[in-house]
């Protein structure tokens, strides 16, 4: 399947929250791209929910912090989210990380 944005997976600590209340969990970001991700989690949020997401790329000492909107929820599997406000710097970091991961597999 050809996708508009390349994607990869990343196991990392994730801070996921709403209204300033965060939970920290070692989740997997599947289908991570510069536009969004699928968060493998047991937490439940309805489609349309606005959340705060923070995570760290292995190549960076800074947290990627973004507001996301839940686009889909798959019971027992996780959440599909779209980034709403990534900074250009974080978007470039994500693009670089995903590109490096894809190059390693190819």
PDB file of N, CA and C in Angstrom:
ATOM      1  N   UNK A   1       0.837  -1.170   0.000  1.00  0.00           N
ATOM      2  CA  UNK A   1       0.000   0.000   0.000  1.00  0.00           C
ATOM      3  C   UNK A   1       0.892   1.247   0.000  1.00  0.00           C
ATOM      4  N   UNK A   2       0.657   2.134  -0.943  1.00  0.00           N
ATOM      5  CA  UNK A   2       1.399   3.393  -0.994  1.00  0.00           C
ATOM      6  C   UNK A   2       0.716   4.405  -0.093  1.00  0.00           C
ATOM      7  N   UNK A   3       1.476   4.992   0.791  1.00  0.00           N
ATOM      8  CA  UNK A   3       0.951   5.999   1.706  1.00  0.00           C
ATOM      9  C   UNK A   3       1.564   7.337   1.358  1.00  0.00           C
ATOM     10  N   UNK A   4       0.825   8.380   1.650  1.00  0.00           N
ATOM     11  CA  UNK A   4       1.307   9.728   1.361  1.00  0.00           C
ATOM     12  C   UNK A   4       2.545  10.062   2.188  1.00  0.00           C
ATOM     13  N   UNK A   5       2.566   9.616   3.451  1.00  0.00           N
ATOM     14  CA  UNK A   5       3.690   9.869   4.348  1.00  0.00           C
ATOM     15  C   UNK A   5       4.267   8.544   4.804  1.00  0.00           C
ATOM     16  N   UNK A   6       5.599   8.358   4.682  1.00  0.00           N
ATOM     17  CA  UNK A   6       6.220   7.117   5.170  1.00  0.00           C
ATOM     18  C   UNK A   6       5.978   6.954   6.667  1.00  0.00           C
ATOM     19  N   UNK A   7       5.952   5.694   7.120  1.00  0.00           N
ATOM     20  CA  UNK A   7       5.649   5.393   8.515  1.00  0.00           C
ATOM     21  C   UNK A   7       6.591   4.344   9.066  1.00  0.00           C
ATOM     22  N   UNK A   8       6.741   4.375  10.402  1.00  0.00           N
ATOM     23  CA  UNK A   8       7.549   3.379  11.101  1.00  0.00           C
ATOM     24  C   UNK A   8       6.955   3.189  12.494  1.00  0.00           C
ATOM     25  N   UNK A   9       7.514   2.274  13.267  1.00  0.00           N
ATOM     26  CA  UNK A   9       7.075   2.047  14.651  1.00  0.00           C
ATOM     27  C   UNK A   9       8.175   2.445  15.607  1.00  0.00           C
ATOM     28  N   UNK A  10       7.778   2.798  16.829  1.00  0.00           N
ATOM     29  CA  UNK A  10       8.725   3.219  17.854  1.00  0.00           C
ATOM     30  C   UNK A  10       8.180   2.822  19.216  1.00  0.00           C
ATOM     31  N   UNK A  11       8.983   2.047  19.979  1.00  0.00           N
ATOM     32  CA  UNK A  11       8.622   1.745  21.371  1.00  0.00           C
ATOM     33  C   UNK A  11       9.300   2.797  22.237  1.00  0.00           C
ATOM     34  N   UNK A  12       8.499   3.546  22.986  1.00  0.00           N
ATOM     35  CA  UNK A  12       9.030   4.646  23.774  1.00  0.00           C
ATOM     36  C   UNK A  12       8.070   4.972  24.907  1.00  0.00           C
ATOM     37  N   UNK A  13       8.531   5.744  25.867  1.00  0.00           N
ATOM     38  CA  UNK A  13       7.622   6.251  26.891  1.00  0.00           C
ATOM     39  C   UNK A  13       6.751   7.320  26.249  1.00  0.00           C
ATOM     40  N   UNK A  14       5.479   7.247  26.531  1.00  0.00           N
ATOM     41  CA  UNK A  14       4.510   8.204  25.999  1.00  0.00           C
ATOM     42  C   UNK A  14       3.797   8.859  27.160  1.00  0.00           C
ATOM     43  N   UNK A  15       3.665  10.162  27.081  1.00  0.00           N
ATOM     44  CA  UNK A  15       2.831  10.900  28.016  1.00  0.00           C
ATOM     45  C   UNK A  15       1.590  11.294  27.229  1.00  0.00           C
ATOM     46  N   UNK A  16       0.455  10.777  27.644  1.00  0.00           N
ATOM     47  CA  UNK A  16      -0.804  11.026  26.943  1.00  0.00           C
ATOM     48  C   UNK A  16      -1.777  11.613  27.940  1.00  0.00           C
ATOM     49  N   UNK A  17      -2.397  12.717  27.586  1.00  0.00           N
ATOM     50  CA  UNK A  17      -3.271  13.346  28.560  1.00  0.00           C
ATOM     51  C   UNK A  17      -4.340  14.228  27.957  1.00  0.00           C
ATOM     52  N   UNK A  18      -5.196  14.635  28.844  1.00  0.00           N
ATOM     53  CA  UNK A  18      -6.306  15.511  28.489  1.00  0.00           C
ATOM     54  C   UNK A  18      -6.543  16.435  29.671  1.00  0.00           C
ATOM     55  N   UNK A  19      -6.748  17.698  29.396  1.00  0.00           N
ATOM     56  CA  UNK A  19      -7.001  18.685  30.448  1.00  0.00           C
ATOM     57  C   UNK A  19      -5.876  18.744  31.476  1.00  0.00           C
ATOM     58  N   UNK A  20      -4.629  18.589  31.031  1.00  0.00           N
ATOM     59  CA  UNK A  20      -3.485  18.723  31.917  1.00  0.00           C
ATOM     60  C   UNK A  20      -3.184  17.516  32.779  1.00  0.00           C
ATOM     61  N   UNK A  21      -3.956  16.447  32.646  1.00  0.00           N
ATOM     62  CA  UNK A  21      -3.721  15.219  33.417  1.00  0.00           C
ATOM     63  C   UNK A  21      -3.102  14.184  32.481  1.00  0.00           C
ATOM     64  N   UNK A  22      -1.858  13.799  32.781  1.00  0.00           N
ATOM     65  CA  UNK A  22      -1.122  12.894  31.908  1.00  0.00           C
ATOM     66  C   UNK A  22      -0.901  11.546  32.574  1.00  0.00           C
ATOM     67  N   UNK A  23      -0.854  10.505  31.749  1.00  0.00           N
ATOM     68  CA  UNK A  23      -0.385   9.202  32.201  1.00  0.00           C
ATOM     69  C   UNK A  23       0.864   8.892  31.385  1.00  0.00           C
ATOM     70  N   UNK A  24       1.835   8.270  32.028  1.00  0.00           N
ATOM     71  CA  UNK A  24       3.081   7.899  31.369  1.00  0.00           C
ATOM     72  C   UNK A  24       3.095   6.396  31.227  1.00  0.00           C
ATOM     73  N   UNK A  25       3.224   5.916  29.998  1.00  0.00           N
ATOM     74  CA  UNK A  25       3.217   4.486  29.760  1.00  0.00           C
ATOM     75  C   UNK A  25       4.213   4.123  28.672  1.00  0.00           C
ATOM     76  N   UNK A  26       4.789   2.929  28.748  1.00  0.00           N
ATOM     77  CA  UNK A  26       5.690   2.474  27.688  1.00  0.00           C
ATOM     78  C   UNK A  26       4.865   1.873  26.553  1.00  0.00           C
ATOM     79  N   UNK A  27       4.372   2.693  25.685  1.00  0.00           N
ATOM     80  CA  UNK A  27       3.504   2.246  24.590  1.00  0.00           C
ATOM     81  C   UNK A  27       4.300   2.131  23.301  1.00  0.00           C
ATOM     82  N   UNK A  28       3.644   1.658  22.281  1.00  0.00           N
ATOM     83  CA  UNK A  28       4.252   1.592  20.955  1.00  0.00           C
ATOM     84  C   UNK A  28       3.517   2.563  20.053  1.00  0.00           C
ATOM     85  N   UNK A  29       4.282   3.399  19.385  1.00  0.00           N
ATOM     86  CA  UNK A  29       3.719   4.261  18.350  1.00  0.00           C
ATOM     87  C   UNK A  29       3.857   3.489  17.044  1.00  0.00           C
ATOM     88  N   UNK A  30       2.773   3.022  16.517  1.00  0.00           N
ATOM     89  CA  UNK A  30       2.788   2.317  15.234  1.00  0.00           C
ATOM     90  C   UNK A  30       2.375   3.308  14.151  1.00  0.00           C
ATOM     91  N   UNK A  31       2.813   3.050  12.961  1.00  0.00           N
ATOM     92  CA  UNK A  31       2.473   3.926  11.831  1.00  0.00           C
ATOM     93  C   UNK A  31       2.806   5.378  12.141  1.00  0.00           C
ATOM     94  N   UNK A  32       3.945   5.598  12.803  1.00  0.00           N
ATOM     95  CA  UNK A  32       4.385   6.946  13.139  1.00  0.00           C
ATOM     96  C   UNK A  32       4.849   7.654  11.872  1.00  0.00           C
ATOM     97  N   UNK A  33       4.291   8.842  11.626  1.00  0.00           N
ATOM     98  CA  UNK A  33       4.703   9.665  10.492  1.00  0.00           C
ATOM     99  C   UNK A  33       4.752  11.108  10.960  1.00  0.00           C
ATOM    100  N   UNK A  34       5.125  11.997  10.080  1.00  0.00           N
ATOM    101  CA  UNK A  34       5.154  13.415  10.441  1.00  0.00           C
ATOM    102  C   UNK A  34       3.756  13.996  10.573  1.00  0.00           C
ATOM    103  N   UNK A  35       2.725  13.234  10.243  1.00  0.00           N
ATOM    104  CA  UNK A  35       1.344  13.720  10.318  1.00  0.00           C
ATOM    105  C   UNK A  35       0.533  13.093  11.452  1.00  0.00           C
ATOM    106  N   UNK A  36       0.977  11.943  11.964  1.00  0.00           N
ATOM    107  CA  UNK A  36       0.206  11.294  13.015  1.00  0.00           C
ATOM    108  C   UNK A  36       0.795   9.946  13.384  1.00  0.00           C
ATOM    109  N   UNK A  37      -0.005   9.147  14.117  1.00  0.00           N
ATOM    110  CA  UNK A  37       0.468   7.838  14.570  1.00  0.00           C
ATOM    111  C   UNK A  37      -0.711   6.995  15.022  1.00  0.00           C
ATOM    112  N   UNK A  38      -0.444   5.710  15.156  1.00  0.00           N
ATOM    113  CA  UNK A  38      -1.379   4.818  15.840  1.00  0.00           C
ATOM    114  C   UNK A  38      -0.720   4.473  17.163  1.00  0.00           C
ATOM    115  N   UNK A  39      -1.384   4.805  18.261  1.00  0.00           N
ATOM    116  CA  UNK A  39      -0.840   4.557  19.598  1.00  0.00           C
ATOM    117  C   UNK A  39      -1.424   3.246  20.104  1.00  0.00           C
ATOM    118  N   UNK A  40      -0.577   2.247  20.272  1.00  0.00           N
ATOM    119  CA  UNK A  40      -1.032   0.968  20.811  1.00  0.00           C
ATOM    120  C   UNK A  40      -1.215   1.160  22.305  1.00  0.00           C
ATOM    121  N   UNK A  41      -2.463   1.223  22.754  1.00  0.00           N
ATOM    122  CA  UNK A  41      -2.749   1.517  24.155  1.00  0.00           C
ATOM    123  C   UNK A  41      -4.087   0.921  24.558  1.00  0.00           C
ATOM    124  N   UNK A  42      -4.249   0.703  25.860  1.00  0.00           N
ATOM    125  CA  UNK A  42      -5.517   0.243  26.405  1.00  0.00           C
ATOM    126  C   UNK A  42      -6.409   1.418  26.818  1.00  0.00           C
ATOM    127  N   UNK A  43      -5.852   2.628  26.795  1.00  0.00           N
ATOM    128  CA  UNK A  43      -6.642   3.801  27.153  1.00  0.00           C
ATOM    129  C   UNK A  43      -7.721   4.041  26.101  1.00  0.00           C
ATOM    130  N   UNK A  44      -8.842   4.564  26.551  1.00  0.00           N
ATOM    131  CA  UNK A  44      -9.960   4.789  25.634  1.00  0.00           C
ATOM    132  C   UNK A  44     -10.277   6.279  25.542  1.00  0.00           C
ATOM    133  N   UNK A  45     -10.253   6.784  24.338  1.00  0.00           N
ATOM    134  CA  UNK A  45     -10.709   8.138  24.047  1.00  0.00           C
ATOM    135  C   UNK A  45     -11.550   8.049  22.776  1.00  0.00           C
ATOM    136  N   UNK A  46     -12.641   8.775  22.736  1.00  0.00           N
ATOM    137  CA  UNK A  46     -13.540   8.753  21.582  1.00  0.00           C
ATOM    138  C   UNK A  46     -12.935   9.516  20.414  1.00  0.00           C
ATOM    139  N   UNK A  47     -13.322   9.123  19.197  1.00  0.00           N
ATOM    140  CA  UNK A  47     -12.928   9.862  18.001  1.00  0.00           C
ATOM    141  C   UNK A  47     -13.369  11.308  18.177  1.00  0.00           C
ATOM    142  N   UNK A  48     -12.490  12.215  17.807  1.00  0.00           N
ATOM    143  CA  UNK A  48     -12.757  13.642  17.961  1.00  0.00           C
ATOM    144  C   UNK A  48     -12.184  14.241  19.231  1.00  0.00           C
ATOM    145  N   UNK A  49     -11.741  13.404  20.163  1.00  0.00           N
ATOM    146  CA  UNK A  49     -11.138  13.903  21.403  1.00  0.00           C
ATOM    147  C   UNK A  49      -9.829  14.606  21.088  1.00  0.00           C
ATOM    148  N   UNK A  50      -9.574  15.700  21.782  1.00  0.00           N
ATOM    149  CA  UNK A  50      -8.328  16.440  21.651  1.00  0.00           C
ATOM    150  C   UNK A  50      -7.449  16.072  22.846  1.00  0.00           C
ATOM    151  N   UNK A  51      -6.231  15.611  22.559  1.00  0.00           N
ATOM    152  CA  UNK A  51      -5.317  15.137  23.597  1.00  0.00           C
ATOM    153  C   UNK A  51      -3.963  15.825  23.461  1.00  0.00           C
ATOM    154  N   UNK A  52      -3.194  15.757  24.520  1.00  0.00           N
ATOM    155  CA  UNK A  52      -1.795  16.174  24.486  1.00  0.00           C
ATOM    156  C   UNK A  52      -0.948  14.913  24.468  1.00  0.00           C
ATOM    157  N   UNK A  53       0.048  14.899  23.610  1.00  0.00           N
ATOM    158  CA  UNK A  53       0.928  13.751  23.454  1.00  0.00           C
ATOM    159  C   UNK A  53       2.367  14.227  23.545  1.00  0.00           C
ATOM    160  N   UNK A  54       3.157  13.501  24.316  1.00  0.00           N
ATOM    161  CA  UNK A  54       4.590  13.776  24.413  1.00  0.00           C
ATOM    162  C   UNK A  54       5.326  12.444  24.302  1.00  0.00           C
ATOM    163  N   UNK A  55       6.414  12.464  23.553  1.00  0.00           N
ATOM    164  CA  UNK A  55       7.261  11.281  23.428  1.00  0.00           C
ATOM    165  C   UNK A  55       8.639  11.729  22.992  1.00  0.00           C
ATOM    166  N   UNK A  56       9.603  10.825  23.094  1.00  0.00           N
ATOM    167  CA  UNK A  56      10.986  11.161  22.763  1.00  0.00           C
ATOM    168  C   UNK A  56      11.490  10.245  21.658  1.00  0.00           C
ATOM    169  N   UNK A  57      12.107  10.847  20.665  1.00  0.00           N
ATOM    170  CA  UNK A  57      12.761  10.074  19.616  1.00  0.00           C
ATOM    171  C   UNK A  57      14.131   9.641  20.127  1.00  0.00           C
ATOM    172  N   UNK A  58      14.611   8.463  19.737  1.00  0.00           N
ATOM    173  CA  UNK A  58      15.904   7.988  20.231  1.00  0.00           C
ATOM    174  C   UNK A  58      17.060   8.925  19.890  1.00  0.00           C
ATOM    175  N   UNK A  59      16.942   9.660  18.806  1.00  0.00           N
ATOM    176  CA  UNK A  59      18.029  10.527  18.349  1.00  0.00           C
ATOM    177  C   UNK A  59      17.995  11.925  18.960  1.00  0.00           C
ATOM    178  N   UNK A  60      17.095  12.163  19.912  1.00  0.00           N
ATOM    179  CA  UNK A  60      16.927  13.501  20.460  1.00  0.00           C
ATOM    180  C   UNK A  60      16.862  13.466  21.981  1.00  0.00           C
ATOM    181  N   UNK A  61      17.293  14.551  22.594  1.00  0.00           N
ATOM    182  CA  UNK A  61      17.180  14.657  24.049  1.00  0.00           C
ATOM    183  C   UNK A  61      15.922  15.437  24.445  1.00  0.00           C
ATOM    184  N   UNK A  62      15.238  15.997  23.451  1.00  0.00           N
ATOM    185  CA  UNK A  62      14.019  16.783  23.716  1.00  0.00           C
ATOM    186  C   UNK A  62      12.773  15.935  23.489  1.00  0.00           C
ATOM    187  N   UNK A  63      11.728  16.283  24.217  1.00  0.00           N
ATOM    188  CA  UNK A  63      10.441  15.630  23.992  1.00  0.00           C
ATOM    189  C   UNK A  63       9.751  16.262  22.794  1.00  0.00           C
ATOM    190  N   UNK A  64       9.127  15.441  21.981  1.00  0.00           N
ATOM    191  CA  UNK A  64       8.211  15.918  20.961  1.00  0.00           C
ATOM    192  C   UNK A  64       6.886  16.121  21.682  1.00  0.00           C
ATOM    193  N   UNK A  65       6.344  17.306  21.597  1.00  0.00           N
ATOM    194  CA  UNK A  65       5.111  17.630  22.287  1.00  0.00           C
ATOM    195  C   UNK A  65       4.118  18.158  21.266  1.00  0.00           C
ATOM    196  N   UNK A  66       2.915  17.570  21.255  1.00  0.00           N
ATOM    197  CA  UNK A  66       1.925  17.983  20.259  1.00  0.00           C
ATOM    198  C   UNK A  66       0.515  17.805  20.792  1.00  0.00           C
ATOM    199  N   UNK A  67      -0.363  18.620  20.264  1.00  0.00           N
ATOM    200  CA  UNK A  67      -1.788  18.403  20.442  1.00  0.00           C
ATOM    201  C   UNK A  67      -2.218  17.486  19.310  1.00  0.00           C
ATOM    202  N   UNK A  68      -3.032  16.482  19.648  1.00  0.00           N
ATOM    203  CA  UNK A  68      -3.498  15.533  18.628  1.00  0.00           C
ATOM    204  C   UNK A  68      -5.011  15.418  18.704  1.00  0.00           C
ATOM    205  N   UNK A  69      -5.595  15.006  17.591  1.00  0.00           N
ATOM    206  CA  UNK A  69      -7.018  14.683  17.576  1.00  0.00           C
ATOM    207  C   UNK A  69      -7.138  13.191  17.302  1.00  0.00           C
ATOM    208  N   UNK A  70      -7.999  12.524  18.059  1.00  0.00           N
ATOM    209  CA  UNK A  70      -8.234  11.096  17.870  1.00  0.00           C
ATOM    210  C   UNK A  70      -9.098  10.935  16.625  1.00  0.00           C
ATOM    211  N   UNK A  71      -8.568  10.258  15.634  1.00  0.00           N
ATOM    212  CA  UNK A  71      -9.301  10.015  14.384  1.00  0.00           C
ATOM    213  C   UNK A  71     -10.011   8.671  14.397  1.00  0.00           C
ATOM    214  N   UNK A  72      -9.453   7.717  15.164  1.00  0.00           N
ATOM    215  CA  UNK A  72     -10.091   6.403  15.252  1.00  0.00           C
ATOM    216  C   UNK A  72      -9.731   5.746  16.570  1.00  0.00           C
ATOM    217  N   UNK A  73     -10.604   4.865  17.021  1.00  0.00           N
ATOM    218  CA  UNK A  73     -10.362   4.077  18.234  1.00  0.00           C
ATOM    219  C   UNK A  73     -10.699   2.637  17.905  1.00  0.00           C
ATOM    220  N   UNK A  74      -9.759   1.745  18.152  1.00  0.00           N
ATOM    221  CA  UNK A  74     -10.003   0.310  17.965  1.00  0.00           C
ATOM    222  C   UNK A  74      -9.924  -0.343  19.325  1.00  0.00           C
ATOM    223  N   UNK A  75     -11.057  -0.782  19.802  1.00  0.00           N
ATOM    224  CA  UNK A  75     -11.178  -1.355  21.146  1.00  0.00           C
ATOM    225  C   UNK A  75     -10.119  -2.418  21.391  1.00  0.00           C
ATOM    226  N   UNK A  76      -9.356  -2.244  22.476  1.00  0.00           N
ATOM    227  CA  UNK A  76      -8.326  -3.189  22.858  1.00  0.00           C
ATOM    228  C   UNK A  76      -7.031  -3.070  22.075  1.00  0.00           C
ATOM    229  N   UNK A  77      -7.017  -2.217  21.040  1.00  0.00           N
ATOM    230  CA  UNK A  77      -5.815  -2.069  20.220  1.00  0.00           C
ATOM    231  C   UNK A  77      -5.174  -0.698  20.363  1.00  0.00           C
ATOM    232  N   UNK A  78      -5.980   0.349  20.283  1.00  0.00           N
ATOM    233  CA  UNK A  78      -5.394   1.670  20.431  1.00  0.00           C
ATOM    234  C   UNK A  78      -6.124   2.773  19.692  1.00  0.00           C
ATOM    235  N   UNK A  79      -5.376   3.859  19.470  1.00  0.00           N
ATOM    236  CA  UNK A  79      -5.930   5.094  18.922  1.00  0.00           C
ATOM    237  C   UNK A  79      -5.151   5.546  17.696  1.00  0.00           C
ATOM    238  N   UNK A  80      -5.856   5.947  16.676  1.00  0.00           N
ATOM    239  CA  UNK A  80      -5.245   6.609  15.537  1.00  0.00           C
ATOM    240  C   UNK A  80      -5.346   8.105  15.771  1.00  0.00           C
ATOM    241  N   UNK A  81      -4.214   8.805  15.778  1.00  0.00           N
ATOM    242  CA  UNK A  81      -4.227  10.235  16.063  1.00  0.00           C
ATOM    243  C   UNK A  81      -3.541  11.018  14.946  1.00  0.00           C
ATOM    244  N   UNK A  82      -3.992  12.261  14.793  1.00  0.00           N
ATOM    245  CA  UNK A  82      -3.382  13.185  13.843  1.00  0.00           C
ATOM    246  C   UNK A  82      -2.773  14.339  14.615  1.00  0.00           C
ATOM    247  N   UNK A  83      -1.539  14.700  14.286  1.00  0.00           N
ATOM    248  CA  UNK A  83      -0.887  15.838  14.922  1.00  0.00           C
ATOM    249  C   UNK A  83      -1.547  17.126  14.436  1.00  0.00           C
ATOM    250  N   UNK A  84      -1.829  18.025  15.370  1.00  0.00           N
ATOM    251  CA  UNK A  84      -2.464  19.290  15.017  1.00  0.00           C
ATOM    252  C   UNK A  84      -1.502  20.472  15.022  1.00  0.00           C
ATOM    253  N   UNK A  85      -0.458  20.411  15.833  1.00  0.00           N
ATOM    254  CA  UNK A  85       0.388  21.588  16.013  1.00  0.00           C
ATOM    255  C   UNK A  85       1.876  21.278  16.180  1.00  0.00           C
ATOM    256  N   UNK A  86       2.392  20.329  15.430  1.00  0.00           N
ATOM    257  CA  UNK A  86       3.829  20.049  15.517  1.00  0.00           C
ATOM    258  C   UNK A  86       4.613  21.261  15.038  1.00  0.00           C
ATOM    259  N   UNK A  87       5.679  21.587  15.742  1.00  0.00           N
ATOM    260  CA  UNK A  87       6.547  22.669  15.283  1.00  0.00           C
ATOM    261  C   UNK A  87       7.271  22.196  14.019  1.00  0.00           C
ATOM    262  N   UNK A  88       7.720  23.115  13.181  1.00  0.00           N
ATOM    263  CA  UNK A  88       8.495  22.707  12.003  1.00  0.00           C
ATOM    264  C   UNK A  88       9.738  21.886  12.380  1.00  0.00           C
ATOM    265  N   UNK A  89      10.349  22.213  13.517  1.00  0.00           N
ATOM    266  CA  UNK A  89      11.531  21.466  13.964  1.00  0.00           C
ATOM    267  C   UNK A  89      11.171  20.021  14.311  1.00  0.00           C
ATOM    268  N   UNK A  90      10.076  19.824  15.050  1.00  0.00           N
ATOM    269  CA  UNK A  90       9.661  18.468  15.404  1.00  0.00           C
ATOM    270  C   UNK A  90       9.210  17.702  14.158  1.00  0.00           C
ATOM    271  N   UNK A  91       8.554  18.380  13.238  1.00  0.00           N
ATOM    272  CA  UNK A  91       8.131  17.716  12.009  1.00  0.00           C
ATOM    273  C   UNK A  91       9.358  17.242  11.222  1.00  0.00           C
ATOM    274  N   UNK A  92      10.393  18.075  11.151  1.00  0.00           N
ATOM    275  CA  UNK A  92      11.630  17.694  10.461  1.00  0.00           C
ATOM    276  C   UNK A  92      12.317  16.534  11.179  1.00  0.00           C
ATOM    277  N   UNK A  93      12.350  16.569  12.516  1.00  0.00           N
ATOM    278  CA  UNK A  93      12.945  15.467  13.288  1.00  0.00           C
ATOM    279  C   UNK A  93      12.199  14.162  13.016  1.00  0.00           C
ATOM    280  N   UNK A  94      10.876  14.214  13.016  1.00  0.00           N
ATOM    281  CA  UNK A  94      10.078  13.013  12.745  1.00  0.00           C
ATOM    282  C   UNK A  94      10.332  12.494  11.338  1.00  0.00           C
ATOM    283  N   UNK A  95      10.349  13.391  10.370  1.00  0.00           N
ATOM    284  CA  UNK A  95      10.596  13.003   8.981  1.00  0.00           C
ATOM    285  C   UNK A  95      11.954  12.312   8.865  1.00  0.00           C
ATOM    286  N   UNK A  96      12.981  12.892   9.523  1.00  0.00           N
ATOM    287  CA  UNK A  96      14.312  12.290   9.498  1.00  0.00           C
ATOM    288  C   UNK A  96      14.353  10.933  10.165  1.00  0.00           C
ATOM    289  N   UNK A  97      13.717  10.814  11.335  1.00  0.00           N
ATOM    290  CA  UNK A  97      13.695   9.538  12.062  1.00  0.00           C
ATOM    291  C   UNK A  97      13.006   8.455  11.231  1.00  0.00           C
ATOM    292  N   UNK A  98      11.839   8.766  10.676  1.00  0.00           N
ATOM    293  CA  UNK A  98      11.100   7.782   9.883  1.00  0.00           C
ATOM    294  C   UNK A  98      11.929   7.375   8.669  1.00  0.00           C
ATOM    295  N   UNK A  99      12.564   8.351   8.000  1.00  0.00           N
ATOM    296  CA  UNK A  99      13.395   8.035   6.851  1.00  0.00           C
ATOM    297  C   UNK A  99      14.550   7.120   7.203  1.00  0.00           C
ATOM    298  N   UNK A 100      15.205   7.373   8.341  1.00  0.00           N
ATOM    299  CA  UNK A 100      16.313   6.513   8.787  1.00  0.00           C
ATOM    300  C   UNK A 100      15.838   5.099   9.063  1.00  0.00           C
ATOM    301  N   UNK A 101      14.689   4.956   9.714  1.00  0.00           N
ATOM    302  CA  UNK A 101      14.165   3.632  10.033  1.00  0.00           C
ATOM    303  C   UNK A 101      13.806   2.846   8.785  1.00  0.00           C
ATOM    304  N   UNK A 102      13.206   3.526   7.821  1.00  0.00           N
ATOM    305  CA  UNK A 102      12.832   2.857   6.562  1.00  0.00           C
ATOM    306  C   UNK A 102      14.080   2.441   5.803  1.00  0.00           C
ATOM    307  N   UNK A 103      15.113   3.299   5.800  1.00  0.00           N
ATOM    308  CA  UNK A 103      16.362   2.973   5.101  1.00  0.00           C
ATOM    309  C   UNK A 103      17.041   1.754   5.724  1.00  0.00           C
ATOM    310  N   UNK A 104      16.950   1.591   7.037  1.00  0.00           N
ATOM    311  CA  UNK A 104      17.556   0.436   7.722  1.00  0.00           C
ATOM    312  C   UNK A 104      16.903  -0.871   7.305  1.00  0.00           C
ATOM    313  N   UNK A 105      15.596  -0.835   7.092  1.00  0.00           N
ATOM    314  CA  UNK A 105      14.843  -2.036   6.760  1.00  0.00           C
ATOM    315  C   UNK A 105      15.028  -2.406   5.281  1.00  0.00           C
ATOM    316  N   UNK A 106      15.191  -1.388   4.446  1.00  0.00           N
ATOM    317  CA  UNK A 106      15.271  -1.622   2.983  1.00  0.00           C
ATOM    318  C   UNK A 106      16.541  -2.310   2.566  1.00  0.00           C
TER     319      UNK A 106
END
